[in-house]
Amino acid sequence: MDVTLILSFLGAAVLLTIMPGPDNLFVLAQSITQNKKAGIATSLGLCSGLLVHISAAAVGISAILYQSSFAFTIVKLIGAAYLLFMAYEAFKERNESSTLQNQPSRTYISLYKKGIVMNILNPKVSLFFLALLPQFIDHQAGSPTLQMFLLGLVFIVQALIIFSLISFYSGKLASYITGNLTLLRRFNLTKAALLAFIGVQIAFSKN
């Protein structure tokens, strides 16, 4: 592939990743209400979920999904229900002052899994890659499928770096936030509202 094309894609990917959206806001919320390790665990999960969508877009599964209204509806409703469940869990946590450090280590694994499921069950992510990746394909450079995989990996790497930076810097506020019960409640309520908003948005998205 042409280096200029890859750099152009990288620039677009970075701009899209740093724009406020469900993924980076979710990482920010987890980092602030818990700690930077929680944010990084969430970041790894989200990026693992991206790999599924990139693979689906590369081999054409996403295109098949969007041609089927029934399949699209099933995926989006499951995803919306899961996000609303996560919002409910965050809402219940509003009165809890315990930090991640006082919880078992499996919490990090749980956050990783939540990140994966959150992205996999969001059909808008597959639509995003289905629309973005083909725009940077060099038709004279060989297999379009392989190129889409490579571009997808570039996207994942830069996203993981940016999410990790968000986790690191916002995680520094965690000890202050979790030590203030009022602020912790507000952040948990904000996290719940964010997840509920994303869930409702997905539920009412159109094919």
N, C-alpha and C. Protein backbone atom coordinates (compact mmCIF):
# COMPACT_ATOMS: atom_id res chain seq x y z
N MET A 1 0.83 -1.20 0.00
CA MET A 1 0.00 0.00 0.00
C MET A 1 0.87 1.25 0.00
N ASP A 2 0.33 2.30 -0.56
CA ASP A 2 1.04 3.57 -0.62
C ASP A 2 1.13 4.18 0.78
N VAL A 3 2.34 4.62 1.15
CA VAL A 3 2.57 5.19 2.48
C VAL A 3 1.71 6.43 2.70
N THR A 4 1.59 7.25 1.66
CA THR A 4 0.78 8.47 1.78
C THR A 4 -0.67 8.14 2.12
N LEU A 5 -1.17 7.07 1.50
CA LEU A 5 -2.54 6.65 1.75
C LEU A 5 -2.72 6.19 3.20
N ILE A 6 -1.73 5.45 3.69
CA ILE A 6 -1.77 4.96 5.07
C ILE A 6 -1.73 6.13 6.05
N LEU A 7 -0.86 7.10 5.78
CA LEU A 7 -0.74 8.27 6.65
C LEU A 7 -2.03 9.10 6.64
N SER A 8 -2.65 9.19 5.47
CA SER A 8 -3.93 9.91 5.37
C SER A 8 -4.99 9.22 6.21
N PHE A 9 -4.99 7.89 6.13
CA PHE A 9 -5.95 7.11 6.93
C PHE A 9 -5.66 7.29 8.42
N LEU A 10 -4.39 7.27 8.79
CA LEU A 10 -4.01 7.43 10.19
C LEU A 10 -4.47 8.78 10.72
N GLY A 11 -4.27 9.82 9.92
CA GLY A 11 -4.71 11.15 10.33
C GLY A 11 -6.21 11.21 10.55
N ALA A 12 -6.96 10.61 9.62
CA ALA A 12 -8.41 10.59 9.75
C ALA A 12 -8.83 9.78 10.97
N ALA A 13 -8.13 8.66 11.20
CA ALA A 13 -8.46 7.78 12.33
C ALA A 13 -8.24 8.50 13.66
N VAL A 14 -7.13 9.22 13.78
CA VAL A 14 -6.83 9.94 15.02
C VAL A 14 -7.88 11.01 15.29
N LEU A 15 -8.24 11.76 14.26
CA LEU A 15 -9.25 12.81 14.43
C LEU A 15 -10.59 12.22 14.86
N LEU A 16 -10.96 11.10 14.25
CA LEU A 16 -12.23 10.46 14.59
C LEU A 16 -12.21 9.89 16.01
N THR A 17 -11.05 9.40 16.44
CA THR A 17 -10.94 8.77 17.76
C THR A 17 -10.98 9.80 18.88
N ILE A 18 -10.35 10.96 18.66
CA ILE A 18 -10.30 11.97 19.73
C ILE A 18 -11.59 12.77 19.84
N MET A 19 -12.44 12.68 18.81
CA MET A 19 -13.73 13.37 18.89
C MET A 19 -14.59 12.70 19.97
N PRO A 20 -15.30 13.49 20.78
CA PRO A 20 -16.15 12.89 21.82
C PRO A 20 -17.13 11.88 21.24
N GLY A 21 -17.11 10.69 21.79
CA GLY A 21 -17.98 9.63 21.31
C GLY A 21 -18.18 8.59 22.39
N PRO A 22 -18.99 7.56 22.13
CA PRO A 22 -19.29 6.54 23.15
C PRO A 22 -18.05 5.88 23.73
N ASP A 23 -17.08 5.52 22.87
CA ASP A 23 -15.92 4.77 23.36
C ASP A 23 -15.03 5.59 24.28
N ASN A 24 -14.56 6.76 23.79
CA ASN A 24 -13.63 7.52 24.63
C ASN A 24 -14.32 8.11 25.87
N LEU A 25 -15.61 8.41 25.78
CA LEU A 25 -16.33 8.90 26.95
C LEU A 25 -16.51 7.79 27.98
N PHE A 26 -16.71 6.56 27.51
CA PHE A 26 -16.85 5.42 28.42
C PHE A 26 -15.53 5.15 29.13
N VAL A 27 -14.42 5.22 28.37
CA VAL A 27 -13.09 5.05 28.97
C VAL A 27 -12.84 6.14 30.01
N LEU A 28 -13.19 7.36 29.67
CA LEU A 28 -13.02 8.50 30.58
C LEU A 28 -13.81 8.27 31.88
N ALA A 29 -15.05 7.84 31.74
CA ALA A 29 -15.90 7.62 32.92
C ALA A 29 -15.34 6.52 33.81
N GLN A 30 -14.88 5.42 33.21
CA GLN A 30 -14.34 4.32 34.01
C GLN A 30 -13.05 4.74 34.71
N SER A 31 -12.22 5.52 34.02
CA SER A 31 -10.95 5.95 34.60
C SER A 31 -11.15 6.89 35.78
N ILE A 32 -12.10 7.80 35.64
CA ILE A 32 -12.33 8.80 36.68
C ILE A 32 -13.02 8.18 37.90
N THR A 33 -14.03 7.34 37.66
CA THR A 33 -14.78 6.78 38.79
C THR A 33 -14.06 5.62 39.45
N GLN A 34 -13.03 5.05 38.78
CA GLN A 34 -12.29 3.94 39.39
C GLN A 34 -10.79 4.27 39.39
N ASN A 35 -10.08 3.89 38.35
CA ASN A 35 -8.67 4.27 38.24
C ASN A 35 -8.18 4.01 36.82
N LYS A 36 -6.91 4.34 36.55
CA LYS A 36 -6.41 4.23 35.19
C LYS A 36 -6.35 2.79 34.70
N LYS A 37 -6.14 1.84 35.62
CA LYS A 37 -6.12 0.43 35.21
C LYS A 37 -7.49 0.00 34.70
N ALA A 38 -8.53 0.51 35.34
CA ALA A 38 -9.89 0.21 34.89
C ALA A 38 -10.12 0.78 33.49
N GLY A 39 -9.60 1.98 33.25
CA GLY A 39 -9.73 2.59 31.94
C GLY A 39 -8.99 1.82 30.87
N ILE A 40 -7.80 1.34 31.21
CA ILE A 40 -7.00 0.57 30.25
C ILE A 40 -7.67 -0.77 29.96
N ALA A 41 -8.22 -1.42 31.00
CA ALA A 41 -8.93 -2.69 30.79
C ALA A 41 -10.12 -2.48 29.86
N THR A 42 -10.83 -1.38 30.06
CA THR A 42 -11.96 -1.04 29.20
C THR A 42 -11.48 -0.77 27.78
N SER A 43 -10.35 -0.06 27.65
CA SER A 43 -9.78 0.26 26.34
C SER A 43 -9.43 -1.00 25.57
N LEU A 44 -8.81 -1.96 26.25
CA LEU A 44 -8.44 -3.22 25.61
C LEU A 44 -9.68 -3.96 25.13
N GLY A 45 -10.73 -3.93 25.93
CA GLY A 45 -11.97 -4.58 25.54
C GLY A 45 -12.61 -3.92 24.33
N LEU A 46 -12.66 -2.60 24.33
CA LEU A 46 -13.24 -1.86 23.21
C LEU A 46 -12.48 -2.14 21.92
N CYS A 47 -11.15 -2.16 22.01
CA CYS A 47 -10.32 -2.40 20.82
C CYS A 47 -10.44 -3.84 20.34
N SER A 48 -10.63 -4.77 21.26
CA SER A 48 -10.87 -6.16 20.86
C SER A 48 -12.19 -6.26 20.12
N GLY A 49 -13.18 -5.50 20.57
CA GLY A 49 -14.46 -5.47 19.88
C GLY A 49 -14.34 -4.87 18.49
N LEU A 50 -13.46 -3.87 18.34
CA LEU A 50 -13.23 -3.27 17.03
C LEU A 50 -12.69 -4.28 16.04
N LEU A 51 -11.86 -5.20 16.53
CA LEU A 51 -11.27 -6.22 15.66
C LEU A 51 -12.36 -7.08 15.02
N VAL A 52 -13.40 -7.37 15.78
CA VAL A 52 -14.52 -8.16 15.25
C VAL A 52 -15.21 -7.41 14.11
N HIS A 53 -15.47 -6.12 14.31
CA HIS A 53 -16.14 -5.32 13.28
C HIS A 53 -15.27 -5.14 12.05
N ILE A 54 -13.98 -4.95 12.27
CA ILE A 54 -13.06 -4.79 11.14
C ILE A 54 -13.01 -6.07 10.31
N SER A 55 -12.94 -7.20 10.99
CA SER A 55 -12.93 -8.49 10.29
C SER A 55 -14.23 -8.68 9.50
N ALA A 56 -15.35 -8.32 10.13
CA ALA A 56 -16.64 -8.46 9.46
C ALA A 56 -16.73 -7.57 8.23
N ALA A 57 -16.22 -6.35 8.35
CA ALA A 57 -16.24 -5.43 7.22
C ALA A 57 -15.34 -5.92 6.10
N ALA A 58 -14.18 -6.46 6.46
CA ALA A 58 -13.20 -6.91 5.47
C ALA A 58 -13.71 -8.10 4.65
N VAL A 59 -14.41 -9.01 5.29
CA VAL A 59 -14.88 -10.21 4.58
C VAL A 59 -16.31 -10.07 4.07
N GLY A 60 -16.92 -8.91 4.30
CA GLY A 60 -18.23 -8.65 3.73
C GLY A 60 -19.42 -9.00 4.59
N ILE A 61 -19.18 -9.45 5.82
CA ILE A 61 -20.30 -9.83 6.69
C ILE A 61 -21.15 -8.60 7.05
N SER A 62 -20.48 -7.47 7.26
CA SER A 62 -21.22 -6.25 7.61
C SER A 62 -22.19 -5.85 6.51
N ALA A 63 -21.74 -6.01 5.25
CA ALA A 63 -22.60 -5.66 4.12
C ALA A 63 -23.84 -6.55 4.10
N ILE A 64 -23.64 -7.84 4.40
CA ILE A 64 -24.77 -8.77 4.45
C ILE A 64 -25.73 -8.39 5.58
N LEU A 65 -25.16 -8.02 6.73
CA LEU A 65 -25.98 -7.62 7.87
C LEU A 65 -26.86 -6.43 7.53
N TYR A 66 -26.30 -5.45 6.84
CA TYR A 66 -27.05 -4.23 6.54
C TYR A 66 -28.04 -4.41 5.40
N GLN A 67 -27.95 -5.54 4.69
CA GLN A 67 -28.94 -5.84 3.67
C GLN A 67 -30.15 -6.54 4.26
N SER A 68 -30.01 -7.00 5.51
CA SER A 68 -31.10 -7.70 6.19
C SER A 68 -31.65 -6.84 7.32
N SER A 69 -32.86 -6.34 7.13
CA SER A 69 -33.48 -5.51 8.16
C SER A 69 -33.69 -6.29 9.45
N PHE A 70 -34.04 -7.57 9.31
CA PHE A 70 -34.29 -8.40 10.49
C PHE A 70 -33.02 -8.58 11.30
N ALA A 71 -31.91 -8.93 10.62
CA ALA A 71 -30.64 -9.14 11.32
C ALA A 71 -30.17 -7.85 11.98
N PHE A 72 -30.31 -6.74 11.27
CA PHE A 72 -29.91 -5.45 11.82
C PHE A 72 -30.71 -5.13 13.08
N THR A 73 -32.02 -5.36 13.02
CA THR A 73 -32.90 -5.06 14.16
C THR A 73 -32.55 -5.91 15.37
N ILE A 74 -32.29 -7.20 15.15
CA ILE A 74 -31.95 -8.11 16.25
C ILE A 74 -30.67 -7.65 16.94
N VAL A 75 -29.63 -7.36 16.15
CA VAL A 75 -28.34 -6.95 16.71
C VAL A 75 -28.48 -5.64 17.48
N LYS A 76 -29.18 -4.68 16.90
CA LYS A 76 -29.27 -3.37 17.57
C LYS A 76 -30.09 -3.45 18.86
N LEU A 77 -31.14 -4.27 18.88
CA LEU A 77 -31.95 -4.38 20.09
C LEU A 77 -31.20 -5.09 21.21
N ILE A 78 -30.43 -6.12 20.86
CA ILE A 78 -29.61 -6.80 21.87
C ILE A 78 -28.57 -5.83 22.42
N GLY A 79 -27.93 -5.08 21.52
CA GLY A 79 -26.93 -4.11 21.95
C GLY A 79 -27.52 -3.02 22.83
N ALA A 80 -28.69 -2.52 22.44
CA ALA A 80 -29.35 -1.47 23.23
C ALA A 80 -29.73 -1.99 24.61
N ALA A 81 -30.25 -3.22 24.66
CA ALA A 81 -30.64 -3.81 25.94
C ALA A 81 -29.43 -3.98 26.86
N TYR A 82 -28.31 -4.39 26.28
CA TYR A 82 -27.10 -4.58 27.09
C TYR A 82 -26.61 -3.25 27.66
N LEU A 83 -26.62 -2.22 26.85
CA LEU A 83 -26.16 -0.90 27.31
C LEU A 83 -27.10 -0.34 28.38
N LEU A 84 -28.38 -0.56 28.22
CA LEU A 84 -29.33 -0.10 29.24
C LEU A 84 -29.13 -0.86 30.55
N PHE A 85 -28.78 -2.14 30.45
CA PHE A 85 -28.48 -2.91 31.65
C PHE A 85 -27.23 -2.35 32.35
N MET A 86 -26.21 -2.01 31.56
CA MET A 86 -25.00 -1.41 32.12
C MET A 86 -25.32 -0.06 32.76
N ALA A 87 -26.23 0.69 32.14
CA ALA A 87 -26.64 1.98 32.71
C ALA A 87 -27.31 1.77 34.06
N TYR A 88 -28.13 0.74 34.15
CA TYR A 88 -28.80 0.42 35.41
C TYR A 88 -27.78 0.05 36.49
N GLU A 89 -26.77 -0.73 36.11
CA GLU A 89 -25.72 -1.10 37.06
C GLU A 89 -24.98 0.13 37.56
N ALA A 90 -24.66 1.04 36.63
CA ALA A 90 -23.96 2.28 37.01
C ALA A 90 -24.83 3.13 37.93
N PHE A 91 -26.13 3.14 37.67
CA PHE A 91 -27.06 3.91 38.50
C PHE A 91 -27.09 3.34 39.93
N LYS A 92 -27.04 2.02 40.05
CA LYS A 92 -27.05 1.39 41.37
C LYS A 92 -25.77 1.71 42.14
N GLU A 93 -24.67 1.96 41.41
CA GLU A 93 -23.39 2.22 42.05
C GLU A 93 -23.27 3.64 42.58
N ARG A 94 -24.29 4.46 42.38
CA ARG A 94 -24.18 5.88 42.74
C ARG A 94 -23.95 6.10 44.23
N ASN A 95 -24.37 5.15 45.05
CA ASN A 95 -24.21 5.29 46.50
C ASN A 95 -23.05 4.49 47.05
N GLU A 96 -22.25 3.89 46.14
CA GLU A 96 -21.13 3.09 46.58
C GLU A 96 -19.86 3.93 46.57
N SER A 97 -19.10 3.89 47.64
CA SER A 97 -17.87 4.68 47.72
C SER A 97 -16.63 3.83 47.56
N SER A 98 -16.80 2.52 47.35
CA SER A 98 -15.63 1.65 47.21
C SER A 98 -14.95 1.88 45.88
N THR A 99 -13.65 1.79 45.88
CA THR A 99 -12.89 1.94 44.66
C THR A 99 -12.52 0.59 44.12
N LEU A 100 -11.99 0.59 42.92
CA LEU A 100 -11.60 -0.66 42.28
C LEU A 100 -10.51 -1.35 43.07
N GLN A 101 -9.72 -0.62 43.81
CA GLN A 101 -8.64 -1.22 44.56
C GLN A 101 -9.17 -2.11 45.68
N ASN A 102 -10.40 -1.87 46.12
CA ASN A 102 -10.99 -2.67 47.18
C ASN A 102 -11.83 -3.82 46.63
N GLN A 103 -11.84 -3.99 45.31
CA GLN A 103 -12.63 -5.02 44.68
C GLN A 103 -11.70 -6.10 44.15
N PRO A 104 -12.22 -7.32 43.92
CA PRO A 104 -11.39 -8.41 43.42
C PRO A 104 -10.84 -8.11 42.03
N SER A 105 -9.71 -8.73 41.69
CA SER A 105 -9.03 -8.45 40.43
C SER A 105 -9.87 -8.81 39.22
N ARG A 106 -10.86 -9.70 39.40
CA ARG A 106 -11.68 -10.09 38.26
C ARG A 106 -12.49 -8.92 37.72
N THR A 107 -12.57 -7.82 38.48
CA THR A 107 -13.26 -6.63 38.00
C THR A 107 -12.64 -6.13 36.71
N TYR A 108 -11.32 -6.19 36.60
CA TYR A 108 -10.65 -5.76 35.38
C TYR A 108 -11.05 -6.64 34.21
N ILE A 109 -11.16 -7.93 34.45
CA ILE A 109 -11.60 -8.85 33.41
C ILE A 109 -13.03 -8.53 33.01
N SER A 110 -13.85 -8.20 34.00
CA SER A 110 -15.24 -7.84 33.74
C SER A 110 -15.32 -6.59 32.87
N LEU A 111 -14.49 -5.59 33.16
CA LEU A 111 -14.47 -4.37 32.36
C LEU A 111 -14.00 -4.65 30.94
N TYR A 112 -13.02 -5.54 30.80
CA TYR A 112 -12.53 -5.93 29.48
C TYR A 112 -13.66 -6.56 28.67
N LYS A 113 -14.39 -7.47 29.31
CA LYS A 113 -15.50 -8.14 28.63
C LYS A 113 -16.60 -7.15 28.27
N LYS A 114 -16.87 -6.21 29.17
CA LYS A 114 -17.90 -5.20 28.89
C LYS A 114 -17.51 -4.36 27.68
N GLY A 115 -16.22 -4.02 27.58
CA GLY A 115 -15.76 -3.25 26.43
C GLY A 115 -15.96 -4.00 25.13
N ILE A 116 -15.66 -5.29 25.14
CA ILE A 116 -15.84 -6.12 23.95
C ILE A 116 -17.30 -6.15 23.54
N VAL A 117 -18.16 -6.51 24.49
CA VAL A 117 -19.59 -6.67 24.19
C VAL A 117 -20.20 -5.34 23.77
N MET A 118 -19.79 -4.25 24.43
CA MET A 118 -20.34 -2.93 24.11
C MET A 118 -20.10 -2.59 22.64
N ASN A 119 -18.92 -2.88 22.12
CA ASN A 119 -18.62 -2.56 20.73
C ASN A 119 -19.21 -3.57 19.75
N ILE A 120 -19.16 -4.85 20.11
CA ILE A 120 -19.68 -5.88 19.21
C ILE A 120 -21.17 -5.69 18.96
N LEU A 121 -21.91 -5.32 20.01
CA LEU A 121 -23.36 -5.20 19.89
C LEU A 121 -23.82 -3.81 19.45
N ASN A 122 -22.88 -2.99 18.98
CA ASN A 122 -23.24 -1.68 18.44
C ASN A 122 -23.13 -1.75 16.91
N PRO A 123 -24.24 -1.91 16.19
CA PRO A 123 -24.19 -2.05 14.74
C PRO A 123 -23.64 -0.82 14.03
N LYS A 124 -23.66 0.33 14.71
CA LYS A 124 -23.12 1.54 14.09
C LYS A 124 -21.61 1.45 13.87
N VAL A 125 -20.94 0.64 14.70
CA VAL A 125 -19.50 0.50 14.56
C VAL A 125 -19.17 -0.23 13.26
N SER A 126 -19.91 -1.30 12.96
CA SER A 126 -19.66 -2.03 11.73
C SER A 126 -19.99 -1.17 10.51
N LEU A 127 -21.04 -0.36 10.62
CA LEU A 127 -21.38 0.55 9.53
C LEU A 127 -20.27 1.57 9.32
N PHE A 128 -19.70 2.04 10.43
CA PHE A 128 -18.61 3.01 10.37
C PHE A 128 -17.43 2.46 9.57
N PHE A 129 -17.00 1.24 9.90
CA PHE A 129 -15.86 0.65 9.20
C PHE A 129 -16.21 0.26 7.77
N LEU A 130 -17.44 -0.15 7.55
CA LEU A 130 -17.88 -0.51 6.21
C LEU A 130 -17.84 0.71 5.29
N ALA A 131 -18.09 1.89 5.86
CA ALA A 131 -18.06 3.13 5.08
C ALA A 131 -16.66 3.71 4.97
N LEU A 132 -15.86 3.58 6.05
CA LEU A 132 -14.55 4.23 6.09
C LEU A 132 -13.45 3.47 5.35
N LEU A 133 -13.29 2.20 5.66
CA LEU A 133 -12.14 1.45 5.14
C LEU A 133 -12.03 1.43 3.61
N PRO A 134 -13.12 1.19 2.87
CA PRO A 134 -12.99 1.14 1.41
C PRO A 134 -12.50 2.44 0.78
N GLN A 135 -12.67 3.56 1.49
CA GLN A 135 -12.24 4.85 0.94
C GLN A 135 -10.72 4.96 0.84
N PHE A 136 -10.00 4.10 1.56
CA PHE A 136 -8.53 4.17 1.57
C PHE A 136 -7.89 2.93 0.95
N ILE A 137 -8.65 2.22 0.15
CA ILE A 137 -8.13 1.03 -0.53
C ILE A 137 -7.43 1.42 -1.82
N ASP A 138 -6.23 0.89 -2.03
CA ASP A 138 -5.48 1.08 -3.27
C ASP A 138 -5.75 -0.14 -4.14
N HIS A 139 -6.55 0.03 -5.17
CA HIS A 139 -6.98 -1.11 -5.99
C HIS A 139 -5.85 -1.69 -6.84
N GLN A 140 -4.72 -1.01 -6.86
CA GLN A 140 -3.57 -1.53 -7.60
C GLN A 140 -2.55 -2.19 -6.68
N ALA A 141 -2.89 -2.29 -5.39
CA ALA A 141 -1.92 -2.80 -4.41
C ALA A 141 -2.26 -4.20 -3.91
N GLY A 142 -3.14 -4.90 -4.62
CA GLY A 142 -3.42 -6.27 -4.21
C GLY A 142 -4.78 -6.43 -3.55
N SER A 143 -4.90 -7.45 -2.72
CA SER A 143 -6.17 -7.85 -2.11
C SER A 143 -6.80 -6.74 -1.28
N PRO A 144 -8.01 -6.30 -1.65
CA PRO A 144 -8.72 -5.29 -0.85
C PRO A 144 -9.01 -5.79 0.57
N THR A 145 -9.29 -7.09 0.71
CA THR A 145 -9.57 -7.65 2.03
C THR A 145 -8.37 -7.51 2.95
N LEU A 146 -7.18 -7.85 2.43
CA LEU A 146 -5.96 -7.73 3.22
C LEU A 146 -5.68 -6.28 3.58
N GLN A 147 -5.90 -5.38 2.64
CA GLN A 147 -5.67 -3.96 2.90
C GLN A 147 -6.61 -3.45 3.99
N MET A 148 -7.86 -3.91 3.96
CA MET A 148 -8.82 -3.48 4.99
C MET A 148 -8.42 -3.99 6.37
N PHE A 149 -7.88 -5.22 6.41
CA PHE A 149 -7.38 -5.75 7.67
C PHE A 149 -6.22 -4.91 8.20
N LEU A 150 -5.29 -4.56 7.31
CA LEU A 150 -4.13 -3.77 7.71
C LEU A 150 -4.54 -2.38 8.20
N LEU A 151 -5.44 -1.75 7.47
CA LEU A 151 -5.93 -0.43 7.88
C LEU A 151 -6.68 -0.53 9.22
N GLY A 152 -7.40 -1.63 9.38
CA GLY A 152 -8.11 -1.85 10.63
C GLY A 152 -7.17 -1.97 11.81
N LEU A 153 -6.05 -2.67 11.59
CA LEU A 153 -5.05 -2.81 12.66
C LEU A 153 -4.43 -1.46 13.00
N VAL A 154 -4.21 -0.64 11.97
CA VAL A 154 -3.69 0.72 12.21
C VAL A 154 -4.68 1.49 13.08
N PHE A 155 -5.96 1.36 12.76
CA PHE A 155 -6.98 2.06 13.54
C PHE A 155 -6.99 1.59 14.99
N ILE A 156 -6.90 0.28 15.19
CA ILE A 156 -6.93 -0.28 16.54
C ILE A 156 -5.74 0.19 17.37
N VAL A 157 -4.55 0.18 16.76
CA VAL A 157 -3.34 0.59 17.49
C VAL A 157 -3.44 2.04 17.94
N GLN A 158 -3.84 2.93 17.01
CA GLN A 158 -3.92 4.34 17.39
C GLN A 158 -5.03 4.57 18.41
N ALA A 159 -6.14 3.82 18.29
CA ALA A 159 -7.23 3.96 19.25
C ALA A 159 -6.80 3.52 20.64
N LEU A 160 -6.04 2.41 20.70
CA LEU A 160 -5.58 1.91 21.99
C LEU A 160 -4.62 2.90 22.65
N ILE A 161 -3.77 3.52 21.85
CA ILE A 161 -2.83 4.53 22.38
C ILE A 161 -3.60 5.72 22.94
N ILE A 162 -4.57 6.22 22.18
CA ILE A 162 -5.34 7.38 22.61
C ILE A 162 -6.19 7.05 23.84
N PHE A 163 -6.83 5.90 23.83
CA PHE A 163 -7.64 5.49 24.99
C PHE A 163 -6.77 5.32 26.24
N SER A 164 -5.56 4.79 26.04
CA SER A 164 -4.65 4.59 27.18
C SER A 164 -4.21 5.93 27.75
N LEU A 165 -3.97 6.90 26.88
CA LEU A 165 -3.60 8.24 27.34
C LEU A 165 -4.75 8.88 28.12
N ILE A 166 -5.97 8.69 27.62
CA ILE A 166 -7.14 9.19 28.34
C ILE A 166 -7.21 8.54 29.72
N SER A 167 -6.98 7.22 29.76
CA SER A 167 -7.02 6.48 31.03
C SER A 167 -5.97 6.99 32.00
N PHE A 168 -4.76 7.20 31.48
CA PHE A 168 -3.64 7.59 32.34
C PHE A 168 -3.88 8.96 32.97
N TYR A 169 -4.24 9.93 32.15
CA TYR A 169 -4.37 11.30 32.66
C TYR A 169 -5.65 11.50 33.47
N SER A 170 -6.75 10.92 33.03
CA SER A 170 -7.99 11.07 33.81
C SER A 170 -7.96 10.20 35.05
N GLY A 171 -7.19 9.09 35.00
CA GLY A 171 -7.09 8.21 36.16
C GLY A 171 -6.43 8.89 37.35
N LYS A 172 -5.66 9.95 37.08
CA LYS A 172 -5.02 10.68 38.18
C LYS A 172 -6.05 11.37 39.07
N LEU A 173 -7.24 11.58 38.51
CA LEU A 173 -8.30 12.22 39.29
C LEU A 173 -9.08 11.21 40.13
N ALA A 174 -8.84 9.92 39.87
CA ALA A 174 -9.66 8.88 40.51
C ALA A 174 -9.59 8.93 42.03
N SER A 175 -8.38 9.08 42.59
CA SER A 175 -8.24 9.07 44.04
C SER A 175 -8.99 10.24 44.68
N TYR A 176 -9.02 11.37 43.97
CA TYR A 176 -9.74 12.54 44.49
C TYR A 176 -11.26 12.33 44.37
N ILE A 177 -11.67 11.82 43.22
CA ILE A 177 -13.10 11.63 42.97
C ILE A 177 -13.69 10.58 43.91
N THR A 178 -13.00 9.43 44.01
CA THR A 178 -13.54 8.34 44.83
C THR A 178 -13.48 8.67 46.32
N GLY A 179 -12.68 9.67 46.69
CA GLY A 179 -12.62 10.09 48.08
C GLY A 179 -13.70 11.09 48.43
N ASN A 180 -14.41 11.56 47.41
CA ASN A 180 -15.50 12.51 47.59
C ASN A 180 -16.80 11.84 47.16
N LEU A 181 -17.60 11.43 48.12
CA LEU A 181 -18.81 10.65 47.84
C LEU A 181 -19.78 11.39 46.93
N THR A 182 -19.89 12.70 47.11
CA THR A 182 -20.81 13.49 46.29
C THR A 182 -20.39 13.48 44.83
N LEU A 183 -19.09 13.71 44.59
CA LEU A 183 -18.59 13.70 43.22
C LEU A 183 -18.71 12.31 42.61
N LEU A 184 -18.43 11.28 43.41
CA LEU A 184 -18.51 9.91 42.91
C LEU A 184 -19.94 9.59 42.47
N ARG A 185 -20.91 10.01 43.26
CA ARG A 185 -22.31 9.79 42.89
C ARG A 185 -22.64 10.49 41.58
N ARG A 186 -22.15 11.72 41.43
CA ARG A 186 -22.44 12.48 40.21
C ARG A 186 -21.82 11.82 38.99
N PHE A 187 -20.59 11.34 39.13
CA PHE A 187 -19.93 10.69 38.00
C PHE A 187 -20.61 9.38 37.64
N ASN A 188 -21.04 8.62 38.65
CA ASN A 188 -21.75 7.38 38.36
C ASN A 188 -23.09 7.65 37.69
N LEU A 189 -23.77 8.71 38.11
CA LEU A 189 -25.01 9.10 37.46
C LEU A 189 -24.76 9.54 36.03
N THR A 190 -23.65 10.28 35.83
CA THR A 190 -23.28 10.71 34.48
C THR A 190 -22.98 9.51 33.60
N LYS A 191 -22.25 8.54 34.16
CA LYS A 191 -21.93 7.32 33.41
C LYS A 191 -23.20 6.57 33.04
N ALA A 192 -24.13 6.49 33.99
CA ALA A 192 -25.40 5.80 33.74
C ALA A 192 -26.19 6.50 32.63
N ALA A 193 -26.21 7.84 32.69
CA ALA A 193 -26.93 8.62 31.68
C ALA A 193 -26.30 8.44 30.31
N LEU A 194 -24.96 8.41 30.27
CA LEU A 194 -24.24 8.24 29.00
C LEU A 194 -24.58 6.89 28.37
N LEU A 195 -24.51 5.83 29.17
CA LEU A 195 -24.80 4.49 28.66
C LEU A 195 -26.26 4.38 28.21
N ALA A 196 -27.16 4.98 28.98
CA ALA A 196 -28.58 4.94 28.61
C ALA A 196 -28.81 5.69 27.30
N PHE A 197 -28.14 6.82 27.15
CA PHE A 197 -28.28 7.62 25.92
C PHE A 197 -27.80 6.83 24.71
N ILE A 198 -26.64 6.18 24.84
CA ILE A 198 -26.10 5.38 23.73
C ILE A 198 -27.05 4.23 23.40
N GLY A 199 -27.57 3.58 24.46
CA GLY A 199 -28.49 2.47 24.26
C GLY A 199 -29.75 2.88 23.52
N VAL A 200 -30.35 4.00 23.93
CA VAL A 200 -31.56 4.50 23.27
C VAL A 200 -31.25 4.91 21.83
N GLN A 201 -30.09 5.53 21.63
CA GLN A 201 -29.68 5.96 20.29
C GLN A 201 -29.56 4.75 19.36
N ILE A 202 -28.97 3.67 19.86
CA ILE A 202 -28.83 2.46 19.06
C ILE A 202 -30.20 1.84 18.78
N ALA A 203 -31.05 1.81 19.80
CA ALA A 203 -32.38 1.19 19.66
C ALA A 203 -33.20 1.87 18.57
N PHE A 204 -33.04 3.18 18.41
CA PHE A 204 -33.84 3.91 17.43
C PHE A 204 -33.08 4.20 16.13
N SER A 205 -31.88 3.62 16.00
CA SER A 205 -31.13 3.80 14.76
C SER A 205 -31.81 3.04 13.63
N LYS A 206 -31.69 3.54 12.43
CA LYS A 206 -32.36 2.94 11.28
C LYS A 206 -31.36 2.23 10.39
N ASN A 207 -31.85 1.22 9.68
CA ASN A 207 -30.99 0.46 8.77
C ASN A 207 -30.65 1.32 7.58
